[in-house]
Protein backbone atom coordinates (compact mmCIF):
# COMPACT_ATOMS: atom_id res chain seq x y z
CA MET A 1 88.59 90.19 118.29
CA CYS A 2 86.96 90.48 114.94
CA GLY A 3 84.78 92.47 112.58
CA LEU A 4 81.21 91.86 111.49
CA ALA A 5 78.64 93.21 109.05
CA GLY A 6 75.32 92.33 107.50
CA PHE A 7 71.94 93.54 106.29
CA ILE A 8 68.35 92.49 105.86
CA ARG A 9 67.68 91.31 102.30
CA LEU A 10 64.59 93.11 101.10
CA ALA A 11 62.78 92.07 97.93
CA GLU A 12 62.66 95.69 96.75
CA THR A 13 66.42 96.23 97.15
CA PRO A 14 67.79 96.79 93.62
CA GLU A 15 71.08 95.06 94.38
CA ARG A 16 69.47 91.91 95.84
CA ASP A 17 71.00 89.55 93.27
CA GLY A 18 74.49 90.88 93.96
CA HIS A 19 74.34 90.69 97.73
CA GLY A 20 77.12 88.13 97.97
CA SER A 21 79.62 90.53 96.41
CA VAL A 22 78.36 93.39 98.61
CA LEU A 23 78.94 91.31 101.73
CA GLU A 24 82.42 90.42 100.56
CA ALA A 25 83.18 94.12 100.04
CA MET A 26 81.87 94.89 103.52
CA GLY A 27 84.12 92.21 104.95
CA ASP A 28 87.16 93.32 102.95
CA ALA A 29 86.73 96.87 104.32
CA ILE A 30 87.39 95.58 107.85
CA ARG A 31 89.95 92.91 107.04
CA HIS A 32 92.38 94.59 109.48
CA ARG A 33 90.00 93.70 112.34
CA GLY A 34 90.23 90.02 111.44
CA PRO A 35 93.04 88.99 109.09
CA ASP A 36 92.93 85.28 109.97
CA ALA A 37 89.68 84.24 108.29
CA GLY A 38 86.60 85.63 106.52
CA GLN A 39 83.30 84.07 105.62
CA VAL A 40 79.90 85.05 104.18
CA TRP A 41 76.55 83.47 105.10
CA MET A 42 73.17 84.19 103.49
CA ASP A 43 69.63 82.97 103.41
CA GLU A 44 66.60 84.52 101.72
CA ASP A 45 66.17 87.08 104.52
CA ILE A 46 69.62 88.19 105.68
CA GLY A 47 73.27 88.36 104.73
CA LEU A 48 76.11 88.13 107.26
CA VAL A 49 79.89 88.46 106.95
CA HIS A 50 82.63 88.02 109.53
CA ARG A 51 86.36 88.68 109.74
CA ARG A 52 88.23 86.70 112.40
CA LEU A 53 91.26 87.51 114.54
CA SER A 54 91.88 84.17 116.25
CA ILE A 55 92.36 84.47 120.02
CA ILE A 56 90.47 81.55 121.63
CA ASP A 57 90.31 78.10 119.96
CA LEU A 58 92.52 78.73 116.96
CA SER A 59 91.03 75.85 114.98
CA GLU A 60 88.65 76.30 112.06
CA ALA A 61 85.83 75.22 114.39
CA GLY A 62 85.76 78.79 115.67
CA THR A 63 85.06 80.30 112.24
CA GLN A 64 82.04 82.58 111.94
CA PRO A 65 79.26 83.07 111.01
CA MET A 66 78.52 80.18 113.40
CA VAL A 67 75.30 78.18 113.17
CA SER A 68 73.68 76.54 116.20
CA GLY A 69 73.42 72.76 116.38
CA ASP A 70 69.77 72.75 115.32
CA GLY A 71 70.49 75.16 112.46
CA ASN A 72 68.06 77.83 113.71
CA LEU A 73 70.43 80.50 115.09
CA VAL A 74 73.32 82.16 113.28
CA ILE A 75 75.78 84.49 115.02
CA VAL A 76 78.52 86.96 114.10
CA PHE A 77 80.39 88.25 117.12
CA ASN A 78 83.20 90.73 117.81
CA GLY A 79 84.93 90.72 121.17
CA GLU A 80 85.72 88.45 124.09
CA ILE A 81 83.54 86.99 126.86
CA TYR A 82 85.93 86.74 129.79
CA ASN A 83 83.73 84.51 131.96
CA TYR A 84 82.80 82.14 129.13
CA GLN A 85 84.48 79.14 130.76
CA ALA A 86 82.29 79.39 133.88
CA LEU A 87 79.22 79.92 131.70
CA ARG A 88 80.20 76.94 129.57
CA THR A 89 80.48 74.73 132.63
CA ASP A 90 76.98 75.73 133.77
CA LEU A 91 75.55 75.06 130.32
CA ILE A 92 77.17 71.61 130.19
CA ARG A 93 75.58 70.79 133.56
CA SER A 94 72.21 71.73 132.09
CA GLY A 95 72.74 69.30 129.20
CA TYR A 96 74.24 71.42 126.42
CA GLN A 97 76.84 69.64 124.28
CA PHE A 98 79.53 71.88 122.78
CA ARG A 99 81.30 71.31 119.49
CA THR A 100 84.03 73.95 119.97
CA GLN A 101 86.06 75.61 122.74
CA THR A 102 84.95 79.12 121.71
CA ASP A 103 83.11 81.83 123.61
CA THR A 104 81.06 82.33 120.43
CA GLU A 105 79.30 79.00 120.86
CA VAL A 106 78.69 79.84 124.53
CA LEU A 107 76.91 83.00 123.38
CA LEU A 108 74.75 81.00 121.00
CA ALA A 109 73.80 78.54 123.74
CA LEU A 110 73.01 81.31 126.22
CA TYR A 111 70.82 83.14 123.73
CA GLU A 112 69.08 79.91 122.84
CA SER A 113 68.24 79.25 126.51
CA HIS A 114 67.70 82.80 127.86
CA GLY A 115 67.03 85.05 124.87
CA PRO A 116 68.10 88.73 125.24
CA ALA A 117 68.37 88.23 129.02
CA CYS A 118 71.63 86.35 128.33
CA LEU A 119 73.38 89.74 128.25
CA GLU A 120 73.06 90.04 132.03
CA ALA A 121 75.36 87.02 132.49
CA LEU A 122 78.17 88.28 130.27
CA ASN A 123 81.42 89.81 131.50
CA GLY A 124 83.22 91.02 128.42
CA MET A 125 83.52 93.39 125.51
CA PHE A 126 81.32 92.62 122.57
CA ALA A 127 79.19 93.53 119.62
CA MET A 128 77.02 90.77 118.21
CA ALA A 129 74.29 89.95 115.73
CA ILE A 130 72.16 86.81 116.11
CA TRP A 131 69.65 85.79 113.44
CA ASP A 132 66.69 83.60 114.39
CA ARG A 133 65.68 81.81 111.19
CA THR A 134 62.35 80.55 112.55
CA ASP A 135 61.04 83.80 114.05
CA LYS A 136 62.70 85.98 111.38
CA ARG A 137 64.20 88.08 114.16
CA LEU A 138 67.58 89.84 114.26
CA PHE A 139 69.13 90.57 117.65
CA LEU A 140 71.94 93.16 117.94
CA ALA A 141 73.78 94.02 121.16
CA ARG A 142 76.74 96.04 122.38
CA ASP A 143 78.67 95.66 125.64
CA ARG A 144 77.91 97.68 128.76
CA LEU A 145 80.64 100.33 128.42
CA GLY A 146 80.92 100.47 124.62
CA LYS A 147 84.35 98.90 124.15
CA LYS A 148 83.32 97.31 120.86
CA PRO A 149 81.61 99.37 118.13
CA LEU A 150 78.38 98.62 116.30
CA TYR A 151 77.03 100.91 113.59
CA TYR A 152 73.71 100.54 111.83
CA TYR A 153 71.77 102.16 109.00
CA TRP A 154 68.01 102.42 109.32
CA ASN A 155 65.70 104.43 107.08
CA GLY A 156 62.44 102.98 108.32
CA THR A 157 62.62 100.02 105.96
CA GLN A 158 66.20 98.91 105.25
CA LEU A 159 68.55 97.80 108.03
CA ALA A 160 72.30 97.25 107.68
CA PHE A 161 74.98 97.00 110.39
CA ALA A 162 78.76 96.75 110.73
CA SER A 163 81.70 97.11 113.09
CA GLU A 164 82.94 100.19 111.25
CA LEU A 165 81.45 102.89 109.05
CA LYS A 166 83.76 102.05 106.15
CA SER A 167 82.17 98.61 106.05
CA LEU A 168 78.61 99.86 106.34
CA THR A 169 78.99 102.34 103.49
CA GLN A 170 80.08 99.57 101.12
CA ALA A 171 76.40 98.69 100.85
CA PRO A 172 75.06 100.61 97.79
CA PHE A 173 71.77 101.40 99.52
CA VAL A 174 73.49 103.27 102.40
CA PRO A 175 73.73 106.97 101.43
CA ARG A 176 76.39 109.32 102.78
CA ALA A 177 74.53 112.55 103.53
CA ILE A 178 76.40 114.75 106.02
CA ARG A 179 74.57 115.31 109.30
CA LEU A 180 75.11 118.98 110.13
CA ASP A 181 74.51 118.86 113.88
CA ALA A 182 77.09 116.04 114.04
CA VAL A 183 79.64 118.38 112.44
CA LYS A 184 78.94 120.90 115.18
CA ASP A 185 79.27 118.13 117.80
CA PHE A 186 82.65 117.13 116.43
CA PHE A 187 84.15 120.58 116.80
CA ALA A 188 82.78 120.84 120.33
CA TYR A 189 83.90 117.40 121.57
CA GLN A 190 86.57 116.23 119.08
CA TYR A 191 84.37 113.20 118.41
CA ILE A 192 80.75 112.57 117.44
CA PRO A 193 78.75 111.33 120.45
CA ASP A 194 76.48 108.28 120.43
CA PRO A 195 74.08 107.59 118.87
CA LYS A 196 74.94 110.00 116.04
CA THR A 197 77.45 109.53 113.27
CA ILE A 198 78.64 111.96 110.62
CA TYR A 199 75.94 110.60 108.28
CA GLU A 200 72.17 110.94 108.38
CA ASN A 201 70.24 107.72 109.11
CA VAL A 202 73.44 106.02 110.28
CA TYR A 203 73.77 105.47 114.02
CA LYS A 204 75.91 103.91 116.71
CA LEU A 205 74.07 101.45 118.92
CA PRO A 206 74.67 103.02 122.36
CA PRO A 207 76.67 101.12 125.00
CA GLY A 208 74.54 98.90 127.21
CA PHE A 209 71.80 98.66 124.56
CA CYS A 210 70.39 95.85 122.49
CA MET A 211 68.11 96.08 119.46
CA GLU A 212 65.70 93.73 117.71
CA TRP A 213 64.53 93.84 114.10
CA THR A 214 61.40 92.10 112.89
CA LYS A 215 59.21 92.76 109.88
CA ASN A 216 57.39 95.30 112.08
CA GLY A 217 60.50 97.48 112.50
CA ILE A 218 63.20 97.95 115.13
CA ARG A 219 63.00 98.21 118.91
CA GLN A 220 65.83 99.23 121.26
CA HIS A 221 66.23 98.37 124.93
CA GLN A 222 68.79 99.55 127.51
CA TYR A 223 69.81 96.46 129.45
CA TRP A 224 72.46 98.10 131.68
CA ASP A 225 73.29 101.44 133.25
CA VAL A 226 75.64 102.44 136.05
CA SER A 227 74.11 103.86 139.23
CA PHE A 228 75.71 106.36 141.60
CA ALA A 229 72.72 106.38 143.95
CA ARG A 230 74.02 104.08 146.70
CA CYS A 231 77.26 104.65 148.61
CA ASP A 232 79.11 101.68 150.08
CA SER A 233 79.91 102.03 153.75
CA GLY A 234 82.93 100.64 155.48
CA SER A 235 86.47 101.61 156.34
CA GLU A 236 88.87 102.87 153.71
CA ALA A 237 91.04 99.82 154.34
CA ARG A 238 88.17 97.39 153.66
CA LEU A 239 87.02 99.24 150.55
CA ALA A 240 90.59 99.43 149.21
CA GLU A 241 91.03 95.70 149.81
CA GLU A 242 87.78 94.91 148.00
CA LEU A 243 88.75 97.17 145.09
CA GLU A 244 92.16 95.53 144.77
CA TYR A 245 90.50 92.10 144.72
CA LEU A 246 88.05 93.13 141.97
CA ILE A 247 90.78 94.60 139.76
CA ASP A 248 93.03 91.60 140.36
CA ASP A 249 90.23 89.24 139.30
CA ALA A 250 89.49 91.39 136.24
CA VAL A 251 93.14 91.17 135.21
CA ARG A 252 93.20 87.41 135.78
CA LEU A 253 90.13 86.88 133.59
CA ARG A 254 91.65 88.98 130.80
CA MET A 255 94.83 86.92 130.70
CA VAL A 256 93.05 83.92 129.15
CA SER A 257 94.40 83.65 125.61
CA ASP A 258 95.66 81.06 123.13
CA VAL A 259 98.01 83.65 121.57
CA PRO A 260 100.86 85.82 122.97
CA LEU A 261 99.68 88.46 125.46
CA GLY A 262 101.26 91.68 126.82
CA ALA A 263 100.42 95.18 128.05
CA PHE A 264 100.64 98.88 127.28
CA LEU A 265 102.74 100.65 129.91
CA SER A 266 102.84 104.42 130.35
CA GLY A 267 104.29 104.52 133.85
CA GLY A 268 101.07 106.00 135.23
CA ILE A 269 99.03 104.48 138.03
CA ASP A 270 96.50 102.61 135.89
CA SER A 271 98.74 100.81 133.43
CA SER A 272 101.42 100.21 136.09
CA GLY A 273 98.88 98.60 138.40
CA VAL A 274 97.61 96.37 135.59
CA VAL A 275 101.16 95.27 134.72
CA GLY A 276 101.94 94.56 138.37
CA LEU A 277 98.87 92.36 138.70
CA MET A 278 99.68 90.61 135.42
CA ALA A 279 103.13 89.78 136.78
CA ARG A 280 101.44 88.25 139.83
CA HIS A 281 99.48 85.86 137.60
CA SER A 282 102.17 85.04 135.04
CA ASP A 283 104.92 82.43 135.25
CA ARG A 284 106.97 84.29 132.61
CA PRO A 285 107.97 87.95 132.12
CA VAL A 286 105.11 90.16 130.97
CA THR A 287 105.71 91.82 127.59
CA THR A 288 105.28 95.61 127.96
CA CYS A 289 105.34 98.40 125.37
CA ALA A 290 105.78 102.15 125.86
CA ILE A 291 105.76 105.20 123.59
CA GLY A 292 107.90 108.31 124.03
CA PHE A 293 108.40 111.75 122.49
CA ASP A 294 111.42 113.96 121.87
CA SER A 295 109.78 116.63 124.05
CA GLU A 296 110.56 116.13 127.76
CA ARG A 297 107.23 117.71 128.75
CA PHE A 298 105.37 114.83 127.13
CA ASP A 299 107.77 111.91 127.50
CA GLU A 300 106.99 109.26 130.15
CA VAL A 301 109.20 106.41 129.01
CA ALA A 302 111.54 106.81 131.99
CA TRP A 303 108.62 106.11 134.32
CA ALA A 304 107.48 103.20 132.19
CA ARG A 305 111.01 101.82 132.30
CA LYS A 306 111.04 102.15 136.10
CA VAL A 307 107.86 100.09 136.40
CA ALA A 308 109.14 97.57 133.84
CA ASP A 309 112.28 97.10 135.94
CA ARG A 310 110.23 96.67 139.12
CA PHE A 311 108.24 93.81 137.64
CA ALA A 312 111.05 92.42 135.44
CA THR A 313 109.02 92.71 132.25
CA ASP A 314 110.16 92.08 128.71
CA HIS A 315 110.06 95.77 127.81
CA TYR A 316 110.02 97.59 124.44
CA GLU A 317 109.95 101.30 123.59
CA PHE A 318 109.31 103.47 120.54
CA THR A 319 109.88 107.21 120.15
CA VAL A 320 107.51 109.20 117.92
CA ARG A 321 109.68 111.53 115.83
CA GLU A 322 109.51 112.02 112.09
CA ASN A 323 106.82 109.35 111.86
CA VAL A 324 103.99 111.83 112.50
CA ALA A 325 103.78 113.72 109.22
CA GLY A 326 104.25 110.69 107.00
CA SER A 327 101.66 108.63 108.84
CA LEU A 328 98.95 111.05 109.97
CA GLU A 329 96.71 110.87 106.90
CA SER A 330 96.73 107.08 106.75
CA ILE A 331 96.22 106.73 110.51
CA ALA A 332 93.31 109.18 110.58
CA ARG A 333 91.50 107.18 107.87
CA PHE A 334 90.81 104.37 110.34
CA PHE A 335 88.22 106.47 112.18
CA ASP A 336 85.86 106.78 109.17
CA GLU A 337 84.39 109.99 110.61
CA PRO A 338 86.04 113.11 112.06
CA PHE A 339 88.00 112.31 115.25
CA ALA A 340 90.50 114.72 116.77
CA ASP A 341 91.82 113.39 120.08
CA PRO A 342 95.54 113.88 119.27
CA SER A 343 96.57 110.96 121.44
CA PHE A 344 95.36 108.65 118.68
CA VAL A 345 98.81 109.14 117.12
CA PRO A 346 100.85 107.59 119.98
CA THR A 347 98.08 105.02 120.51
CA TYR A 348 98.56 103.86 116.93
CA PHE A 349 102.33 103.57 117.33
CA VAL A 350 102.18 101.76 120.68
CA SER A 351 99.67 99.35 119.13
CA ARG A 352 101.97 98.77 116.16
CA LEU A 353 104.88 98.14 118.51
CA ALA A 354 102.84 95.75 120.64
CA ARG A 355 101.59 93.81 117.62
CA GLN A 356 105.15 92.97 116.69
CA LYS A 357 105.42 91.07 119.98
CA VAL A 358 101.89 89.97 120.98
CA THR A 359 98.33 89.60 119.66
CA VAL A 360 96.55 90.73 122.85
CA ALA A 361 97.46 93.70 125.07
CA LEU A 362 96.00 94.79 128.41
CA ALA A 363 95.63 98.53 129.01
CA GLY A 364 94.82 100.89 131.89
CA ASP A 365 91.84 102.64 130.30
CA GLY A 366 88.97 103.54 132.63
CA GLY A 367 90.89 104.52 135.74
CA ASP A 368 90.42 108.24 135.20
CA GLU A 369 86.67 108.11 134.55
CA ASN A 370 85.99 105.69 137.42
CA PHE A 371 88.17 107.31 140.06
CA ALA A 372 88.28 111.01 139.07
CA GLY A 373 91.80 111.00 137.66
CA TYR A 374 91.60 113.95 135.26
CA SER A 375 92.66 117.41 136.40
CA LYS A 376 89.44 118.80 134.95
CA TYR A 377 87.46 117.14 137.74
CA ARG A 378 89.34 119.10 140.38
CA THR A 379 88.99 122.34 138.39
CA ASP A 380 85.29 121.78 137.82
CA GLN A 381 84.66 120.93 141.47
CA VAL A 382 86.36 124.14 142.62
CA GLU A 383 84.32 126.16 140.12
CA ASN A 384 81.12 124.51 141.30
CA ARG A 385 81.90 125.39 144.92
CA LEU A 386 82.67 129.00 143.97
CA ARG A 387 79.35 129.16 142.16
CA GLY A 388 77.58 128.52 145.44
CA TYR A 389 79.08 131.62 147.05
CA PHE A 390 77.30 134.05 144.72
CA PRO A 391 73.58 134.71 144.30
CA ALA A 392 72.11 133.49 141.01
CA PHE A 393 71.20 137.03 139.93
CA ILE A 394 74.81 138.23 140.20
CA ARG A 395 76.15 135.17 138.41
CA ARG A 396 73.68 135.43 135.54
CA HIS A 397 73.81 139.19 135.00
CA MET A 398 77.05 140.60 136.46
CA PHE A 399 79.55 137.86 135.65
CA PRO A 400 79.03 137.88 131.86
CA TRP A 401 79.61 141.65 131.87
CA LEU A 402 82.79 141.31 133.95
CA ALA A 403 83.94 138.45 131.72
CA GLY A 404 83.49 140.70 128.70
CA LEU A 405 85.68 143.38 130.26
CA ALA A 406 88.40 140.83 131.00
CA GLY A 407 88.12 139.43 127.50
CA HIS A 408 89.24 142.71 125.95
CA SER A 409 92.64 142.37 127.61
CA GLY A 410 95.37 140.28 126.02
CA HIS A 411 96.95 139.51 129.39
CA ALA A 412 97.08 135.85 130.36
CA PHE A 413 95.54 136.52 133.78
CA ALA A 414 92.67 138.44 132.18
CA ARG A 415 92.01 135.54 129.81
CA LYS A 416 91.80 133.16 132.78
CA ALA A 417 89.44 135.57 134.54
CA ASN A 418 87.29 135.72 131.43
CA THR A 419 87.06 131.91 131.32
CA LEU A 420 86.30 131.58 135.04
CA LEU A 421 83.65 134.30 135.14
CA SER A 422 81.99 132.96 131.99
CA THR A 423 81.87 129.49 133.51
CA LEU A 424 80.54 130.65 136.89
CA ALA A 425 77.70 132.46 135.13
CA LEU A 426 76.37 129.13 133.84
CA PRO A 427 74.45 126.35 135.61
CA PRO A 428 76.65 123.36 136.59
CA ASP A 429 75.64 121.09 133.69
CA GLU A 430 76.35 123.66 130.99
CA ALA A 431 79.49 124.87 132.79
CA PHE A 432 80.94 121.36 132.66
CA PHE A 433 80.44 121.33 128.89
CA THR A 434 81.97 124.80 128.49
CA THR A 435 85.02 123.90 130.59
CA ASN A 436 85.66 120.84 128.43
CA SER A 437 84.67 122.13 125.00
CA PHE A 438 87.53 122.06 122.51
CA PHE A 439 86.17 124.80 120.29
CA ARG A 440 85.46 128.07 122.10
CA ARG A 441 82.28 129.84 121.14
CA SER A 442 84.09 133.07 120.32
CA VAL A 443 86.40 131.24 117.90
CA TRP A 444 83.49 129.30 116.45
CA ASP A 445 81.49 132.46 115.76
CA ALA A 446 84.48 134.03 114.04
CA LEU A 447 85.02 131.04 111.73
CA VAL A 448 81.65 129.53 110.85
CA ASN A 449 80.10 130.59 107.55
CA GLY A 450 76.62 132.01 107.27
CA GLU A 451 74.84 129.07 105.65
CA PHE A 452 76.16 126.47 108.09
CA HIS A 453 75.54 128.83 111.00
CA ARG A 454 71.91 129.34 110.00
CA ALA A 455 71.35 125.61 109.54
CA THR A 456 72.63 124.78 113.04
CA THR A 457 71.91 127.93 115.04
CA ASP A 458 69.14 126.25 117.05
CA TYR A 459 71.30 123.27 117.99
CA ASP A 460 73.53 123.38 121.08
CA PRO A 461 76.13 120.57 121.46
CA ALA A 462 75.92 121.08 125.22
CA ASP A 463 72.60 119.21 125.02
CA VAL A 464 74.58 115.94 124.85
CA THR A 465 76.39 116.26 128.17
CA ARG A 466 73.54 118.22 129.76
CA GLU A 467 71.18 115.28 129.20
CA TYR A 468 73.54 112.80 130.88
CA TYR A 469 74.28 115.17 133.77
CA GLN A 470 70.58 115.61 134.47
CA ARG A 471 69.85 111.89 134.06
CA ALA A 472 72.50 110.81 136.59
CA ASP A 473 71.15 109.51 139.89
CA ALA A 474 74.19 110.78 141.84
CA GLU A 475 73.61 113.01 144.84
CA ASP A 476 76.60 115.28 144.26
CA HIS A 477 78.15 117.22 141.40
CA LEU A 478 81.25 115.01 140.98
CA GLY A 479 79.09 111.89 140.69
CA ARG A 480 77.01 113.53 137.96
CA VAL A 481 80.14 114.61 136.10
CA LEU A 482 81.70 111.13 136.28
CA TYR A 483 78.45 109.57 135.04
CA THR A 484 78.41 112.06 132.16
CA ASP A 485 81.94 111.14 131.10
CA ILE A 486 81.29 107.39 131.43
CA LYS A 487 78.31 107.76 129.11
CA SER A 488 79.82 110.21 126.60
CA TYR A 489 83.58 110.88 126.66
CA LEU A 490 84.62 107.31 127.51
CA PRO A 491 82.72 105.49 124.72
CA GLY A 492 82.85 108.40 122.26
CA ASP A 493 86.55 109.24 122.54
CA ILE A 494 88.75 106.96 124.66
CA LEU A 495 87.32 103.61 123.60
CA VAL A 496 86.95 104.62 119.94
CA LYS A 497 90.60 105.68 119.89
CA VAL A 498 91.85 102.45 121.45
CA ASP A 499 89.62 100.19 119.34
CA ARG A 500 90.44 101.77 115.99
CA MET A 501 94.17 102.16 116.57
CA SER A 502 94.64 98.66 117.98
CA MET A 503 92.42 97.08 115.32
CA ALA A 504 94.32 98.99 112.63
CA ASN A 505 97.23 96.80 113.72
CA SER A 506 95.14 93.62 114.22
CA LEU A 507 95.75 93.83 117.97
CA GLU A 508 93.17 93.01 120.62
CA THR A 509 93.14 95.37 123.62
CA ARG A 510 91.55 94.52 126.97
CA ALA A 511 90.81 96.96 129.81
CA PRO A 512 90.53 95.39 133.30
CA LEU A 513 89.55 98.71 134.93
CA LEU A 514 86.46 98.69 132.70
CA ASP A 515 85.24 95.36 134.03
CA TYR A 516 81.63 96.26 134.79
CA ARG A 517 82.06 95.03 138.39
CA VAL A 518 84.87 97.56 138.91
CA VAL A 519 82.79 100.32 137.31
CA GLU A 520 79.76 99.55 139.50
CA PHE A 521 81.93 99.36 142.62
CA ALA A 522 83.58 102.69 141.83
CA ALA A 523 80.18 104.33 141.26
CA ARG A 524 79.09 103.27 144.76
CA LEU A 525 82.12 104.86 146.41
CA PRO A 526 81.64 108.23 148.13
CA SER A 527 83.07 111.01 145.96
CA VAL A 528 85.55 111.93 148.70
CA LEU A 529 87.25 108.55 148.15
CA LYS A 530 87.83 109.44 144.50
CA LEU A 531 88.73 113.13 144.72
CA HIS A 532 90.04 113.68 148.24
CA GLY A 533 90.92 117.36 148.49
CA ARG A 534 93.57 117.77 145.80
CA GLU A 535 94.32 114.05 145.65
CA LYS A 536 92.84 112.31 142.61
CA LYS A 537 92.18 108.54 142.47
CA TYR A 538 92.44 108.46 146.24
CA LEU A 539 91.13 104.94 146.92
CA LEU A 540 92.69 103.44 143.78
CA LYS A 541 96.09 104.61 145.00
CA ARG A 542 95.42 103.03 148.37
CA ALA A 543 94.38 99.78 146.67
CA PHE A 544 97.68 99.74 144.76
CA SER A 545 99.80 100.95 147.72
CA GLU A 546 101.52 97.59 148.28
CA LEU A 547 101.93 96.95 144.56
CA LEU A 548 103.44 100.26 143.38
CA PRO A 549 106.03 102.60 144.91
CA ASP A 550 105.00 106.05 146.15
CA ASP A 551 106.87 107.90 143.41
CA VAL A 552 104.68 106.16 140.83
CA LEU A 553 101.48 106.52 142.85
CA TYR A 554 101.89 110.19 143.69
CA ARG A 555 103.82 111.72 140.83
CA ARG A 556 102.11 114.42 138.81
CA LYS A 557 99.84 113.02 136.10
CA MET A 558 100.99 113.74 132.55
CA GLY A 559 98.28 111.93 130.64
CA PHE A 560 98.70 110.49 127.16
CA SER A 561 99.41 113.91 125.65
CA VAL A 562 101.29 114.99 122.56
CA PRO A 563 103.37 118.09 121.69
CA LEU A 564 100.61 119.38 119.42
CA ALA A 565 101.68 123.01 119.12
CA GLU A 566 105.23 121.95 118.19
CA TRP A 567 103.96 119.42 115.68
CA LEU A 568 101.85 122.02 113.89
CA ARG A 569 104.80 124.42 113.63
CA HIS A 570 107.33 121.80 112.58
CA GLU A 571 106.62 118.17 111.62
CA LEU A 572 103.06 118.84 110.45
CA ARG A 573 103.57 122.33 109.07
CA PRO A 574 103.83 121.32 105.38
CA LEU A 575 100.68 119.21 105.63
CA ALA A 576 98.79 121.87 107.59
CA ALA A 577 99.82 124.53 105.10
CA THR A 578 98.13 122.57 102.29
CA VAL A 579 94.91 122.77 104.32
CA PHE A 580 95.04 126.29 105.74
CA GLU A 581 96.70 128.23 102.93
CA GLY A 582 95.00 129.16 99.66
CA THR A 583 92.02 126.98 98.82
CA GLY A 584 93.43 123.75 100.22
CA GLY A 585 90.65 123.21 102.76
CA VAL A 586 87.89 122.15 100.37
CA GLY A 587 85.84 120.41 103.05
CA LEU A 588 86.41 123.19 105.57
CA ALA A 589 85.21 125.78 103.07
CA MET A 590 81.80 124.10 103.13
CA PHE A 591 81.39 125.19 106.75
CA PHE A 592 83.95 127.89 107.60
CA ASP A 593 85.47 131.12 106.34
CA PRO A 594 88.89 130.22 104.82
CA GLY A 595 90.24 133.70 105.49
CA ALA A 596 89.40 133.47 109.19
CA ILE A 597 91.09 130.05 109.37
CA ARG A 598 94.22 131.48 107.74
CA ARG A 599 94.36 134.23 110.38
CA LEU A 600 94.37 131.64 113.16
CA TRP A 601 97.05 129.67 111.35
CA HIS A 602 99.32 132.66 110.88
CA ALA A 603 98.89 133.64 114.53
CA HIS A 604 99.93 130.13 115.54
CA LEU A 605 103.04 130.29 113.36
CA THR A 606 104.12 133.46 115.17
CA GLY A 607 104.00 131.67 118.52
CA ASP A 608 100.40 132.22 119.63
CA ASP A 609 99.28 128.88 121.12
CA ARG A 610 95.71 129.93 121.94
CA TYR A 611 94.25 128.27 118.85
CA THR A 612 96.23 125.02 118.83
CA GLN A 613 93.29 122.75 119.58
CA GLU A 614 90.96 124.46 117.11
CA LEU A 615 93.56 124.26 114.33
CA TRP A 616 94.15 120.59 115.03
CA SER A 617 90.42 119.87 114.84
CA LEU A 618 90.17 121.78 111.56
CA LEU A 619 93.15 119.88 110.13
CA VAL A 620 91.75 116.47 111.07
CA PHE A 621 88.33 117.34 109.68
CA GLU A 622 89.85 118.24 106.33
CA LEU A 623 91.90 115.03 106.28
CA TRP A 624 88.71 113.06 106.85
CA TRP A 625 86.97 115.00 104.06
CA ARG A 626 89.79 114.25 101.62
CA ALA A 627 89.67 110.55 102.49
CA TYR A 628 85.92 110.00 102.36
CA GLU A 629 84.12 112.92 100.73
CA ALA A 630 86.44 114.45 98.14
């Protein structure tokens, strides 16, 4: 696991003579991603820098940038190729002679022999840049699901790229002009969806895409997508057995490491299953780490401890208490752009705890998106079925009126009726966005200032999820929703959170349930084997039925949640007050009415929890502004 950066060296770039120092600054900005080594490489056309976290082949032979044996190809690479040993064996049979034991050299050899088609052979998480010195061609690629980040700046002439925004913006020719529709996206989703970033002309290379630069410009190509079109047939028992085999093999592949390895353990199905399979493949106790809270409603350490006891792991725990307020600003800085999923706080602390014991940790990410594990899928499916009971005319014209009547009541039941009727009035793709939006339109309209509102009035953040929903080749609603989350929420939120918080602690995190073979298998399953009545993750539970006890498999899902309302009233109140009171929210004042924000804040302090998520998003946005724009 590492960090990379680089740029094309143009003759007209004013800073051309100082490019070596710029590359060093870009590398220093992501030192946390690779504290073990750093190196710069340049020729007359390109500059590359790499920061290394040594995982495979700890010798200096694995240092990057790495040059091919004939001197023509140069690579910088972030990630792990889990099947590199099998690929290496095949390449040796074909006559290739290796100088190192690294997966990096395997990538170089594959690209040399197959070009961009080499991506189809890879099972791993990666972002890479390969420079062809003869053809003057730069090849960039990102893994299928988007586990590893890759940002780039392109203005039609100048190209620069990096693992993180903070590295990219070290280049003097990369401006930082705020992209207004991305601000609106952030408050809708809590993150900024691919390919946008918070800055104009700066983009994320989407998951499953590669890109080539030549003197004629850039060209992108999607080399992988997940299909829901075909359903596997067979008995539940056979499908569960095949699924268990795939996940077991994914875990086995991810246990290859030359450094200490462990796992995150929440006590939920996904992480517990991963730990159980790790124990099957390990001749020593698996190191497991869990995070808890003082609030019983959010604390899962007792369940994690139960699973740790079952598999006799070497188990460690940490409780998030007073650490929140003192650490929030520094933790939030690692995202480089606004990011408001509150579970980044415990993810940071569990990563810090794990790094004290290991250098690599396996995690259970991906189980919810693959097998319909979130409660929202059940809610959305029920709403979609209800929608079918009413004629379109009634839904479009009567329901909004009824929702408005319910909205005038302060009663909790009336508020739920307002939400349901408003959702049923919409088509399924927009309703899914509305159900999952973190900033309600009514609150948005009350807060946003006139200038920002006018500049973005024609842009609807629902376009992001609507496009994926309509693109999906699934035959049913649940399949389209799962595809939408795999393409948006998973890479934009979950994987960003895990990557930044683990890398902030120089920890590599691997996700067996996001092995592309598992993802493709899950997509081919009939929806009823994912959401079976009220039962979520139906087939996954059956696959783990001999591995995990029923009380772990069938307990109510808590999720990786935090006591956000309590934090804002207590631990985070002093910090939040500096943002919401007076003129503390300098960045927020660029887009919102400070007086309207104060009214939400005061309502929250009196016990009104309706605006918790909006206030949290506003707080995090201002913390980002202070760190990067003030």
